[in-house]
N, C-alpha and C. Protein backbone atom coordinates (compact mmCIF):
# COMPACT_ATOMS: atom_id res chain seq x y z
N VAL A 1 -10.68 99.55 -24.36
CA VAL A 1 -10.31 98.74 -25.29
C VAL A 1 -9.34 97.95 -24.95
N GLN A 2 -9.46 96.69 -25.34
CA GLN A 2 -8.35 95.67 -24.99
C GLN A 2 -8.16 94.77 -25.90
N LEU A 3 -6.92 93.95 -26.06
CA LEU A 3 -6.80 92.95 -27.04
C LEU A 3 -6.33 91.76 -26.15
N VAL A 4 -6.89 90.66 -26.35
CA VAL A 4 -6.51 89.46 -25.65
C VAL A 4 -6.02 88.59 -26.62
N GLU A 5 -4.77 88.01 -26.43
CA GLU A 5 -4.13 87.02 -27.27
C GLU A 5 -4.33 85.58 -26.65
N SER A 6 -4.44 84.61 -27.52
CA SER A 6 -4.27 83.23 -27.22
C SER A 6 -3.71 82.41 -28.16
N GLY A 7 -3.23 81.17 -27.71
CA GLY A 7 -2.99 80.19 -28.70
C GLY A 7 -1.09 79.91 -28.72
N GLY A 8 -0.48 80.52 -27.88
CA GLY A 8 0.72 80.19 -27.83
C GLY A 8 1.13 78.96 -27.03
N GLY A 9 2.48 78.61 -27.38
CA GLY A 9 2.97 77.35 -26.43
C GLY A 9 4.16 76.85 -26.98
N LEU A 10 4.36 75.66 -26.60
CA LEU A 10 5.74 74.93 -26.94
C LEU A 10 5.59 73.87 -28.21
N VAL A 11 6.28 74.02 -29.26
CA VAL A 11 6.01 73.21 -30.22
C VAL A 11 7.67 72.80 -30.84
N GLN A 12 7.64 71.60 -31.43
CA GLN A 12 8.93 71.08 -32.00
C GLN A 12 9.11 71.80 -33.29
N ALA A 13 10.35 71.97 -33.86
CA ALA A 13 10.61 72.53 -34.98
C ALA A 13 9.96 71.83 -36.05
N GLY A 14 9.32 72.61 -37.16
CA GLY A 14 8.62 72.12 -38.20
C GLY A 14 7.02 72.01 -37.75
N GLY A 15 6.67 72.30 -36.62
CA GLY A 15 5.36 72.21 -36.34
C GLY A 15 4.58 73.52 -36.61
N SER A 16 3.32 73.48 -36.17
CA SER A 16 2.46 74.58 -36.40
C SER A 16 1.82 75.12 -34.97
N LEU A 17 1.48 76.39 -35.11
CA LEU A 17 0.70 77.12 -34.00
C LEU A 17 -0.27 78.06 -34.64
N ARG A 18 -1.37 78.25 -33.97
CA ARG A 18 -2.33 79.41 -34.46
C ARG A 18 -2.59 80.10 -33.40
N LEU A 19 -2.28 81.50 -33.28
CA LEU A 19 -2.53 82.50 -32.45
C LEU A 19 -3.90 83.32 -32.83
N SER A 20 -4.43 83.73 -31.75
CA SER A 20 -5.69 84.49 -32.09
C SER A 20 -5.53 85.62 -30.95
N CYS A 21 -6.20 86.98 -31.50
CA CYS A 21 -6.17 88.17 -31.03
C CYS A 21 -7.72 88.81 -31.07
N ALA A 22 -8.50 88.94 -29.94
CA ALA A 22 -9.66 89.49 -30.05
C ALA A 22 -9.75 90.79 -29.43
N ALA A 23 -10.21 91.77 -30.09
CA ALA A 23 -10.34 93.07 -29.52
C ALA A 23 -11.80 93.34 -29.01
N SER A 24 -11.99 93.95 -27.79
CA SER A 24 -13.30 94.10 -27.36
C SER A 24 -13.22 95.65 -26.50
N GLY A 25 -14.48 96.15 -26.26
CA GLY A 25 -14.57 97.49 -25.74
C GLY A 25 -15.43 98.40 -26.63
N THR A 26 -15.30 99.69 -26.50
CA THR A 26 -16.15 100.71 -27.06
C THR A 26 -15.40 101.01 -28.53
N ILE A 27 -15.51 99.96 -29.31
CA ILE A 27 -14.70 100.17 -30.64
C ILE A 27 -15.71 100.55 -31.64
N PHE A 28 -15.26 101.66 -32.30
CA PHE A 28 -15.91 102.20 -33.57
C PHE A 28 -15.59 101.33 -34.67
N SER A 29 -14.27 101.18 -35.03
CA SER A 29 -14.00 100.63 -36.01
C SER A 29 -12.56 100.13 -35.95
N ILE A 30 -11.93 99.14 -36.54
CA ILE A 30 -10.45 98.78 -36.42
C ILE A 30 -9.81 98.79 -37.85
N ASN A 31 -8.95 99.39 -37.87
CA ASN A 31 -8.01 99.60 -39.16
C ASN A 31 -7.05 98.54 -39.39
N ALA A 32 -5.71 98.70 -39.32
CA ALA A 32 -4.85 97.63 -39.48
C ALA A 32 -4.49 96.84 -38.38
N MET A 33 -4.37 95.60 -38.38
CA MET A 33 -4.11 94.69 -37.32
C MET A 33 -2.65 94.02 -37.76
N GLY A 34 -2.12 93.56 -36.70
CA GLY A 34 -0.72 92.97 -37.17
C GLY A 34 -0.17 92.19 -35.78
N TRP A 35 0.95 91.47 -36.24
CA TRP A 35 1.60 90.65 -35.11
C TRP A 35 3.02 91.08 -35.06
N TYR A 36 3.53 91.50 -33.85
CA TYR A 36 4.91 91.59 -33.76
C TYR A 36 5.56 90.51 -32.80
N ARG A 37 6.83 90.47 -32.73
CA ARG A 37 7.44 89.43 -32.07
C ARG A 37 8.70 89.78 -31.27
N GLN A 38 9.16 89.46 -30.19
CA GLN A 38 10.35 89.90 -29.56
C GLN A 38 11.08 88.56 -28.93
N ALA A 39 12.11 88.45 -29.78
CA ALA A 39 13.05 87.17 -29.13
C ALA A 39 13.97 87.61 -28.04
N PRO A 40 14.39 86.65 -27.19
CA PRO A 40 15.05 87.03 -25.87
C PRO A 40 16.38 87.87 -26.38
N GLY A 41 16.35 89.01 -25.77
CA GLY A 41 17.56 89.82 -25.96
C GLY A 41 17.55 90.72 -27.00
N LYS A 42 16.39 90.76 -27.91
CA LYS A 42 16.34 91.46 -29.11
C LYS A 42 15.23 92.46 -28.94
N GLN A 43 15.14 93.32 -30.08
CA GLN A 43 14.13 94.25 -29.96
C GLN A 43 12.80 93.72 -30.66
N ARG A 44 11.74 94.39 -30.29
CA ARG A 44 10.51 93.93 -30.88
C ARG A 44 10.58 94.11 -32.36
N GLU A 45 10.04 93.22 -33.19
CA GLU A 45 10.12 93.39 -34.54
C GLU A 45 8.69 92.99 -35.08
N LEU A 46 8.59 93.59 -36.43
CA LEU A 46 7.25 93.25 -37.23
C LEU A 46 7.30 91.96 -37.93
N ALA A 47 6.28 91.13 -37.66
CA ALA A 47 6.19 89.85 -38.47
C ALA A 47 5.27 90.06 -39.62
N THR A 48 4.00 90.71 -39.27
CA THR A 48 3.06 90.69 -40.44
C THR A 48 1.82 91.46 -40.02
N THR A 49 1.28 92.41 -40.95
CA THR A 49 -0.01 93.15 -40.77
C THR A 49 -0.96 92.84 -41.87
N ILE A 50 -2.09 93.35 -41.51
CA ILE A 50 -3.22 92.95 -42.57
C ILE A 50 -4.19 94.16 -42.52
N SER A 51 -4.42 94.71 -43.66
CA SER A 51 -5.26 96.01 -43.68
C SER A 51 -6.79 95.49 -43.29
N ARG A 52 -7.52 96.57 -43.10
CA ARG A 52 -9.02 96.43 -42.75
C ARG A 52 -9.68 95.54 -43.88
N GLY A 53 -9.16 95.81 -45.17
CA GLY A 53 -9.79 95.01 -46.43
C GLY A 53 -9.37 93.78 -46.59
N GLY A 54 -8.15 93.38 -45.74
CA GLY A 54 -7.58 91.89 -45.72
C GLY A 54 -6.19 91.75 -46.55
N ARG A 55 -5.80 93.04 -46.87
CA ARG A 55 -4.47 92.87 -47.75
C ARG A 55 -3.20 92.41 -46.66
N PRO A 56 -2.59 91.53 -46.88
CA PRO A 56 -1.56 91.08 -45.86
C PRO A 56 -0.02 91.60 -46.20
N ASN A 57 0.71 91.83 -45.33
CA ASN A 57 2.18 92.24 -45.40
C ASN A 57 2.95 91.39 -44.60
N TYR A 58 3.97 90.80 -45.21
CA TYR A 58 4.78 89.97 -44.39
C TYR A 58 6.21 90.23 -44.24
N ALA A 59 6.88 90.01 -42.98
CA ALA A 59 8.42 90.23 -43.09
C ALA A 59 9.04 89.06 -43.86
N ASP A 60 10.29 89.30 -44.33
CA ASP A 60 10.76 88.42 -45.31
C ASP A 60 11.02 86.98 -44.34
N SER A 61 11.28 87.25 -43.12
CA SER A 61 11.68 85.93 -42.25
C SER A 61 10.62 85.04 -41.96
N VAL A 62 9.25 85.53 -42.27
CA VAL A 62 8.15 84.70 -42.14
C VAL A 62 7.11 84.36 -43.32
N LYS A 63 7.77 84.91 -44.33
CA LYS A 63 6.83 84.95 -45.60
C LYS A 63 6.86 83.51 -46.10
N GLY A 64 5.86 82.94 -46.59
CA GLY A 64 5.70 81.51 -46.98
C GLY A 64 5.24 80.58 -45.93
N ARG A 65 5.54 81.04 -44.57
CA ARG A 65 5.37 80.09 -43.63
C ARG A 65 4.14 80.66 -42.61
N PHE A 66 4.13 81.86 -42.43
CA PHE A 66 2.91 82.36 -41.74
C PHE A 66 1.81 83.04 -42.56
N THR A 67 0.61 82.80 -41.99
CA THR A 67 -0.44 83.39 -42.76
C THR A 67 -1.42 84.30 -41.69
N ILE A 68 -1.65 85.50 -42.13
CA ILE A 68 -2.44 86.39 -41.12
C ILE A 68 -3.84 86.43 -41.78
N SER A 69 -4.82 86.64 -40.97
CA SER A 69 -6.13 86.70 -41.44
C SER A 69 -6.89 87.40 -40.39
N ARG A 70 -8.16 87.87 -40.78
CA ARG A 70 -8.98 88.64 -39.81
C ARG A 70 -10.56 88.36 -39.92
N ASP A 71 -11.20 88.40 -39.14
CA ASP A 71 -12.71 88.37 -38.97
C ASP A 71 -13.46 89.68 -38.60
N ASN A 72 -13.58 90.46 -39.26
CA ASN A 72 -14.02 91.94 -38.89
C ASN A 72 -15.19 91.62 -38.08
N ALA A 73 -16.12 90.81 -38.21
CA ALA A 73 -17.46 90.88 -37.53
C ALA A 73 -17.08 90.50 -36.10
N LYS A 74 -15.95 89.73 -35.83
CA LYS A 74 -15.50 89.27 -34.53
C LYS A 74 -14.32 90.20 -33.87
N ASN A 75 -14.06 91.11 -34.59
CA ASN A 75 -12.88 92.03 -34.21
C ASN A 75 -11.57 91.17 -33.71
N THR A 76 -11.38 90.12 -34.48
CA THR A 76 -10.41 89.19 -34.35
C THR A 76 -9.38 89.03 -35.45
N VAL A 77 -8.05 88.90 -35.02
CA VAL A 77 -6.88 88.58 -35.91
C VAL A 77 -6.31 87.47 -35.62
N TYR A 78 -5.91 86.73 -36.73
CA TYR A 78 -5.28 85.31 -36.46
C TYR A 78 -3.93 85.24 -37.12
N LEU A 79 -3.16 84.26 -36.67
CA LEU A 79 -1.73 84.09 -37.09
C LEU A 79 -1.55 82.61 -37.19
N GLN A 80 -1.70 82.08 -38.36
CA GLN A 80 -1.15 80.65 -38.58
C GLN A 80 0.18 80.65 -38.84
N MET A 81 0.79 79.88 -38.11
CA MET A 81 2.35 79.60 -38.06
C MET A 81 2.70 78.35 -38.30
N ASN A 82 3.16 77.87 -39.60
CA ASN A 82 3.55 76.68 -40.15
C ASN A 82 5.31 76.58 -40.31
N SER A 83 5.56 75.46 -40.32
CA SER A 83 7.24 75.09 -40.43
C SER A 83 7.78 75.96 -39.45
N LEU A 84 7.43 75.92 -38.32
CA LEU A 84 8.19 76.74 -37.18
C LEU A 84 9.61 76.24 -37.13
N LYS A 85 10.35 77.44 -36.79
CA LYS A 85 11.78 77.27 -36.56
C LYS A 85 12.19 77.58 -35.25
N PRO A 86 13.30 77.22 -34.54
CA PRO A 86 13.77 77.76 -33.31
C PRO A 86 13.88 79.29 -33.28
N GLU A 87 14.19 79.79 -34.48
CA GLU A 87 14.40 81.21 -34.38
C GLU A 87 13.12 82.22 -34.36
N ASP A 88 11.96 81.42 -34.53
CA ASP A 88 10.74 82.11 -34.46
C ASP A 88 10.29 82.11 -32.95
N THR A 89 11.13 81.47 -31.92
CA THR A 89 10.67 81.64 -30.46
C THR A 89 10.88 82.97 -30.08
N GLY A 90 9.80 83.32 -29.16
CA GLY A 90 9.75 84.81 -28.64
C GLY A 90 8.25 84.79 -28.23
N VAL A 91 8.12 86.33 -27.64
CA VAL A 91 6.78 86.63 -27.29
C VAL A 91 6.19 87.28 -28.31
N TYR A 92 4.92 86.88 -28.71
CA TYR A 92 4.27 87.54 -29.91
C TYR A 92 3.29 88.39 -29.34
N TYR A 93 3.10 89.64 -29.89
CA TYR A 93 2.17 90.77 -29.41
C TYR A 93 1.28 91.11 -30.56
N CYS A 94 0.03 91.06 -30.23
CA CYS A 94 -1.01 91.63 -31.43
C CYS A 94 -1.10 93.14 -31.15
N ASN A 95 -1.12 93.70 -32.21
CA ASN A 95 -1.38 95.36 -32.20
C ASN A 95 -2.51 95.59 -33.40
N ALA A 96 -3.37 96.64 -32.79
CA ALA A 96 -4.47 97.03 -33.80
C ALA A 96 -4.49 98.71 -33.64
N ASN A 97 -4.83 99.13 -34.72
CA ASN A 97 -5.24 100.58 -34.75
C ASN A 97 -6.58 100.72 -34.52
N ILE A 98 -7.16 101.41 -33.70
CA ILE A 98 -8.63 101.30 -33.30
C ILE A 98 -9.16 102.51 -33.01
N ALA A 99 -10.23 102.73 -33.65
CA ALA A 99 -11.10 104.15 -33.48
C ALA A 99 -12.10 103.72 -32.17
N PHE A 100 -12.14 104.46 -31.16
CA PHE A 100 -12.81 103.99 -30.17
C PHE A 100 -13.74 105.21 -29.61
N TYR A 101 -14.96 105.02 -29.07
CA TYR A 101 -15.74 105.91 -28.72
C TYR A 101 -15.16 106.59 -27.39
N THR A 102 -15.38 107.99 -27.32
CA THR A 102 -14.94 108.77 -26.03
C THR A 102 -16.29 109.64 -25.74
N SER A 103 -16.08 110.17 -24.58
CA SER A 103 -17.24 111.13 -24.26
C SER A 103 -17.57 112.30 -25.35
N SER A 104 -16.60 112.63 -26.15
CA SER A 104 -16.82 113.65 -26.95
C SER A 104 -16.76 113.31 -28.37
N GLY A 105 -16.74 112.11 -28.53
CA GLY A 105 -16.98 111.48 -30.08
C GLY A 105 -16.27 110.02 -30.09
N TYR A 106 -14.98 110.20 -30.89
CA TYR A 106 -14.16 109.07 -30.99
C TYR A 106 -12.91 109.57 -30.98
N SER A 107 -11.77 108.72 -30.82
CA SER A 107 -10.43 108.96 -30.90
C SER A 107 -9.93 107.60 -31.55
N VAL A 108 -8.52 107.75 -31.93
CA VAL A 108 -7.80 106.59 -32.75
C VAL A 108 -6.34 106.48 -32.19
N ARG A 109 -6.13 105.32 -31.88
CA ARG A 109 -4.59 104.97 -31.59
C ARG A 109 -4.33 103.65 -31.57
N ASP A 110 -3.02 103.22 -31.46
CA ASP A 110 -2.85 101.75 -31.54
C ASP A 110 -2.92 101.12 -29.99
N PHE A 111 -3.34 99.92 -30.09
CA PHE A 111 -3.42 99.22 -28.88
C PHE A 111 -2.54 97.78 -29.01
N TRP A 112 -1.98 97.43 -27.88
CA TRP A 112 -1.34 96.07 -27.83
C TRP A 112 -1.85 95.21 -27.03
N GLY A 113 -1.70 93.85 -27.27
CA GLY A 113 -2.24 92.80 -26.48
C GLY A 113 -0.95 92.53 -25.36
N GLN A 114 -1.19 91.48 -24.50
CA GLN A 114 -0.37 91.45 -23.26
C GLN A 114 1.01 90.40 -23.74
N GLY A 115 0.78 89.80 -24.92
CA GLY A 115 1.89 89.17 -25.32
C GLY A 115 1.58 87.57 -25.10
N THR A 116 1.92 86.68 -25.87
CA THR A 116 1.74 85.24 -25.73
C THR A 116 3.13 84.58 -25.99
N GLN A 117 3.76 83.49 -25.32
CA GLN A 117 4.96 82.95 -25.51
C GLN A 117 4.89 81.89 -26.71
N VAL A 118 5.76 81.88 -27.59
CA VAL A 118 5.98 80.93 -28.56
C VAL A 118 7.34 80.32 -28.31
N THR A 119 7.36 79.09 -28.13
CA THR A 119 8.71 78.43 -28.01
C THR A 119 8.81 77.16 -29.00
N VAL A 120 9.88 77.23 -29.82
CA VAL A 120 10.02 76.18 -30.87
C VAL A 120 11.32 75.56 -30.42
N SER A 121 11.18 74.27 -30.24
CA SER A 121 12.52 73.50 -29.80
C SER A 121 12.96 72.75 -31.06
N SER A 122 14.29 72.67 -30.88
CA SER A 122 15.10 72.07 -32.01
C SER A 122 14.90 70.53 -31.91
């Protein structure tokens, strides 16, 4: 199982970016999915999550500006980021709790994407 992110880049303050994260492999089902971010010199922090049923949860720092969504048929989660600020700069990581097939049935654990850089210039 792997998560592959795309959509990062450089944008001016006030601009928008859309991130995507697609899960692939021997997947049985995907539970919660989310996006974390890590600014230079800081710890990784939760930005937003979404349940399998589509219920979102946002950190206060992104509420009202970011929107998370998912397409269960495509095993993909999206992050629409609007009104970006320089403090949103960092590496954004996709996370998903996935039940996957094993030789003895299935197992469940969290998987991480490789990260995608988001840079917001002032």
